[in-house]
Amino acid sequence: MKTKHYTTITHNGIELELVGVYTKGKDAYISGAPDDCYDGENPTFDVDEITLIDSNINIISLFSSDDIDEIESKAVNNLTD
């Protein structure tokens, strides 16, 4: 089951509350055997809702897919710090 995470970010000077699914990354590793290596995975955040702080209106449809990518990246930074 995927757990919803909440975080706030500032994007283009606007404070936003995000709700979405955060997935921790996995560390890379290298062992002595050539076939026993793993590149790892970066953490991700898949946003489901974007709300203006002090508002209950979901405004995700107002953002372009490029904006959503940047917003999700900021959410990952908040959640991994």
N, C-alpha and C. Protein backbone atom coordinates (compact mmCIF):
# COMPACT_ATOMS: atom_id res chain seq x y z
N MET A 1 0.84 -1.19 0.00
CA MET A 1 0.00 0.00 0.00
C MET A 1 0.88 1.25 0.00
N LYS A 2 0.56 2.18 -0.84
CA LYS A 2 1.33 3.42 -0.92
C LYS A 2 0.78 4.42 0.08
N THR A 3 1.68 5.04 0.82
CA THR A 3 1.30 6.01 1.84
C THR A 3 1.37 7.41 1.27
N LYS A 4 0.35 8.21 1.52
CA LYS A 4 0.35 9.61 1.09
C LYS A 4 1.28 10.40 2.00
N HIS A 5 2.05 11.30 1.41
CA HIS A 5 2.92 12.20 2.16
C HIS A 5 2.51 13.63 1.86
N TYR A 6 2.70 14.47 2.85
CA TYR A 6 2.38 15.89 2.75
C TYR A 6 3.67 16.67 2.92
N THR A 7 3.86 17.69 2.08
CA THR A 7 5.00 18.58 2.23
C THR A 7 4.63 19.93 1.65
N THR A 8 5.32 20.96 2.07
CA THR A 8 5.09 22.30 1.51
C THR A 8 6.35 22.76 0.81
N ILE A 9 6.14 23.47 -0.29
CA ILE A 9 7.25 24.03 -1.06
C ILE A 9 6.87 25.44 -1.49
N THR A 10 7.87 26.19 -1.94
CA THR A 10 7.62 27.47 -2.59
C THR A 10 8.00 27.30 -4.05
N HIS A 11 7.07 27.61 -4.94
CA HIS A 11 7.30 27.49 -6.38
C HIS A 11 6.85 28.79 -7.03
N ASN A 12 7.77 29.45 -7.73
CA ASN A 12 7.50 30.75 -8.36
C ASN A 12 6.92 31.75 -7.35
N GLY A 13 7.43 31.71 -6.11
CA GLY A 13 7.00 32.65 -5.09
C GLY A 13 5.68 32.31 -4.43
N ILE A 14 5.08 31.17 -4.76
CA ILE A 14 3.79 30.78 -4.22
C ILE A 14 3.99 29.59 -3.28
N GLU A 15 3.46 29.68 -2.05
CA GLU A 15 3.58 28.57 -1.11
C GLU A 15 2.48 27.55 -1.40
N LEU A 16 2.92 26.30 -1.57
CA LEU A 16 2.01 25.23 -1.94
C LEU A 16 2.12 24.06 -0.98
N GLU A 17 0.99 23.43 -0.70
CA GLU A 17 1.00 22.16 0.03
C GLU A 17 0.79 21.05 -0.99
N LEU A 18 1.65 20.03 -0.92
CA LEU A 18 1.58 18.92 -1.85
C LEU A 18 1.16 17.66 -1.12
N VAL A 19 0.36 16.85 -1.78
CA VAL A 19 0.00 15.52 -1.30
C VAL A 19 0.38 14.56 -2.42
N GLY A 20 1.11 13.52 -2.07
CA GLY A 20 1.52 12.57 -3.09
C GLY A 20 2.21 11.37 -2.49
N VAL A 21 2.76 10.56 -3.36
CA VAL A 21 3.44 9.33 -2.94
C VAL A 21 4.94 9.55 -3.06
N TYR A 22 5.62 9.43 -1.92
CA TYR A 22 7.07 9.57 -1.85
C TYR A 22 7.69 8.19 -1.77
N THR A 23 8.67 7.95 -2.63
CA THR A 23 9.40 6.69 -2.62
C THR A 23 10.86 6.98 -2.36
N LYS A 24 11.40 6.39 -1.28
CA LYS A 24 12.82 6.57 -0.98
C LYS A 24 13.65 5.93 -2.07
N GLY A 25 14.79 6.48 -2.33
CA GLY A 25 15.71 5.88 -3.28
C GLY A 25 16.42 4.68 -2.66
N LYS A 26 17.15 3.99 -3.48
CA LYS A 26 17.95 2.86 -3.00
C LYS A 26 19.40 3.13 -3.35
N ASP A 27 20.28 2.88 -2.37
CA ASP A 27 21.71 3.12 -2.57
C ASP A 27 22.29 2.15 -3.58
N ALA A 28 23.24 2.65 -4.34
CA ALA A 28 23.98 1.79 -5.27
C ALA A 28 24.99 0.95 -4.48
N TYR A 29 25.36 -0.18 -5.04
CA TYR A 29 26.42 -0.97 -4.43
C TYR A 29 27.21 -1.70 -5.50
N ILE A 30 28.44 -1.97 -5.17
CA ILE A 30 29.34 -2.73 -6.04
C ILE A 30 30.04 -3.75 -5.16
N SER A 31 30.03 -4.98 -5.59
CA SER A 31 30.76 -6.01 -4.86
C SER A 31 31.88 -6.53 -5.77
N GLY A 32 32.57 -7.52 -5.34
CA GLY A 32 33.68 -8.07 -6.11
C GLY A 32 33.25 -8.76 -7.39
N ALA A 33 32.04 -9.32 -7.42
CA ALA A 33 31.58 -10.05 -8.61
C ALA A 33 31.02 -9.08 -9.65
N PRO A 34 31.38 -9.26 -10.93
CA PRO A 34 30.90 -8.34 -11.97
C PRO A 34 29.38 -8.28 -12.09
N ASP A 35 28.71 -9.38 -11.81
CA ASP A 35 27.25 -9.39 -11.93
C ASP A 35 26.54 -8.94 -10.66
N ASP A 36 27.29 -8.59 -9.62
CA ASP A 36 26.70 -8.22 -8.35
C ASP A 36 26.86 -6.71 -8.11
N CYS A 37 26.25 -5.93 -9.00
CA CYS A 37 26.30 -4.47 -8.90
C CYS A 37 24.88 -3.93 -9.07
N TYR A 38 24.63 -2.80 -8.46
CA TYR A 38 23.31 -2.17 -8.55
C TYR A 38 23.52 -0.66 -8.62
N ASP A 39 22.92 -0.02 -9.64
CA ASP A 39 23.11 1.42 -9.85
C ASP A 39 22.35 2.28 -8.84
N GLY A 40 21.40 1.69 -8.15
CA GLY A 40 20.61 2.47 -7.19
C GLY A 40 19.44 3.14 -7.87
N GLU A 41 18.63 3.80 -7.08
CA GLU A 41 17.47 4.53 -7.58
C GLU A 41 17.37 5.86 -6.85
N ASN A 42 17.02 6.91 -7.58
CA ASN A 42 16.79 8.21 -6.97
C ASN A 42 15.43 8.22 -6.28
N PRO A 43 15.28 8.99 -5.21
CA PRO A 43 13.97 9.12 -4.59
C PRO A 43 13.01 9.83 -5.55
N THR A 44 11.72 9.55 -5.41
CA THR A 44 10.71 10.20 -6.26
C THR A 44 9.54 10.68 -5.41
N PHE A 45 8.81 11.62 -5.95
CA PHE A 45 7.56 12.09 -5.35
C PHE A 45 6.57 12.27 -6.49
N ASP A 46 5.46 11.54 -6.46
CA ASP A 46 4.42 11.65 -7.48
C ASP A 46 3.26 12.43 -6.88
N VAL A 47 3.11 13.67 -7.33
CA VAL A 47 2.13 14.57 -6.74
C VAL A 47 0.72 14.22 -7.20
N ASP A 48 -0.22 14.18 -6.23
CA ASP A 48 -1.63 13.93 -6.51
C ASP A 48 -2.48 15.18 -6.32
N GLU A 49 -2.07 16.03 -5.39
CA GLU A 49 -2.82 17.25 -5.10
C GLU A 49 -1.85 18.40 -4.86
N ILE A 50 -2.23 19.58 -5.34
CA ILE A 50 -1.49 20.81 -5.06
C ILE A 50 -2.51 21.82 -4.55
N THR A 51 -2.26 22.31 -3.34
CA THR A 51 -3.19 23.25 -2.73
C THR A 51 -2.43 24.50 -2.31
N LEU A 52 -3.03 25.65 -2.57
CA LEU A 52 -2.46 26.89 -2.05
C LEU A 52 -2.52 26.83 -0.53
N ILE A 53 -1.46 27.30 0.13
CA ILE A 53 -1.47 27.34 1.58
C ILE A 53 -2.67 28.20 2.01
N ASP A 54 -3.37 27.74 3.04
CA ASP A 54 -4.58 28.39 3.57
C ASP A 54 -5.75 28.33 2.61
N SER A 55 -5.79 27.31 1.77
CA SER A 55 -6.90 27.10 0.83
C SER A 55 -7.18 25.61 0.74
N ASN A 56 -8.38 25.23 0.40
CA ASN A 56 -8.72 23.82 0.24
C ASN A 56 -9.01 23.45 -1.21
N ILE A 57 -8.60 24.29 -2.13
CA ILE A 57 -8.88 24.05 -3.55
C ILE A 57 -7.68 23.38 -4.18
N ASN A 58 -7.88 22.20 -4.79
CA ASN A 58 -6.82 21.49 -5.49
C ASN A 58 -6.57 22.18 -6.84
N ILE A 59 -5.35 22.68 -7.04
CA ILE A 59 -5.05 23.45 -8.25
C ILE A 59 -4.07 22.75 -9.18
N ILE A 60 -3.93 21.43 -9.07
CA ILE A 60 -2.95 20.70 -9.87
C ILE A 60 -3.17 20.92 -11.37
N SER A 61 -4.40 21.08 -11.80
CA SER A 61 -4.68 21.23 -13.24
C SER A 61 -4.18 22.56 -13.80
N LEU A 62 -3.78 23.48 -12.95
CA LEU A 62 -3.28 24.77 -13.42
C LEU A 62 -1.80 24.74 -13.79
N PHE A 63 -1.11 23.62 -13.54
CA PHE A 63 0.31 23.52 -13.78
C PHE A 63 0.61 22.67 -15.01
N SER A 64 1.65 23.08 -15.73
CA SER A 64 2.10 22.29 -16.87
C SER A 64 2.83 21.05 -16.37
N SER A 65 3.06 20.10 -17.26
CA SER A 65 3.79 18.89 -16.86
C SER A 65 5.22 19.23 -16.46
N ASP A 66 5.83 20.23 -17.09
CA ASP A 66 7.17 20.66 -16.68
C ASP A 66 7.15 21.25 -15.28
N ASP A 67 6.12 22.04 -14.97
CA ASP A 67 5.98 22.58 -13.61
C ASP A 67 5.81 21.44 -12.61
N ILE A 68 4.99 20.45 -12.94
CA ILE A 68 4.77 19.32 -12.05
C ILE A 68 6.08 18.59 -11.79
N ASP A 69 6.89 18.39 -12.85
CA ASP A 69 8.20 17.74 -12.67
C ASP A 69 9.07 18.52 -11.69
N GLU A 70 9.10 19.84 -11.83
CA GLU A 70 9.91 20.68 -10.93
C GLU A 70 9.35 20.64 -9.50
N ILE A 71 8.04 20.68 -9.38
CA ILE A 71 7.39 20.62 -8.07
C ILE A 71 7.69 19.29 -7.39
N GLU A 72 7.61 18.19 -8.13
CA GLU A 72 7.91 16.88 -7.56
C GLU A 72 9.37 16.80 -7.11
N SER A 73 10.27 17.41 -7.88
CA SER A 73 11.69 17.43 -7.50
C SER A 73 11.89 18.19 -6.19
N LYS A 74 11.20 19.31 -6.04
CA LYS A 74 11.29 20.08 -4.80
C LYS A 74 10.73 19.29 -3.62
N ALA A 75 9.67 18.53 -3.87
CA ALA A 75 9.09 17.70 -2.80
C ALA A 75 10.08 16.64 -2.35
N VAL A 76 10.78 16.01 -3.30
CA VAL A 76 11.80 15.02 -2.95
C VAL A 76 12.87 15.65 -2.09
N ASN A 77 13.32 16.85 -2.47
CA ASN A 77 14.34 17.54 -1.67
C ASN A 77 13.86 17.80 -0.26
N ASN A 78 12.60 18.21 -0.09
CA ASN A 78 12.06 18.44 1.25
C ASN A 78 12.01 17.16 2.07
N LEU A 79 11.63 16.08 1.43
CA LEU A 79 11.41 14.84 2.16
C LEU A 79 12.69 14.06 2.42
N THR A 80 13.76 14.36 1.71
CA THR A 80 15.03 13.65 1.93
C THR A 80 15.99 14.44 2.79
N ASP A 81 15.68 15.68 3.09
CA ASP A 81 16.56 16.50 3.95
C ASP A 81 16.46 16.10 5.40
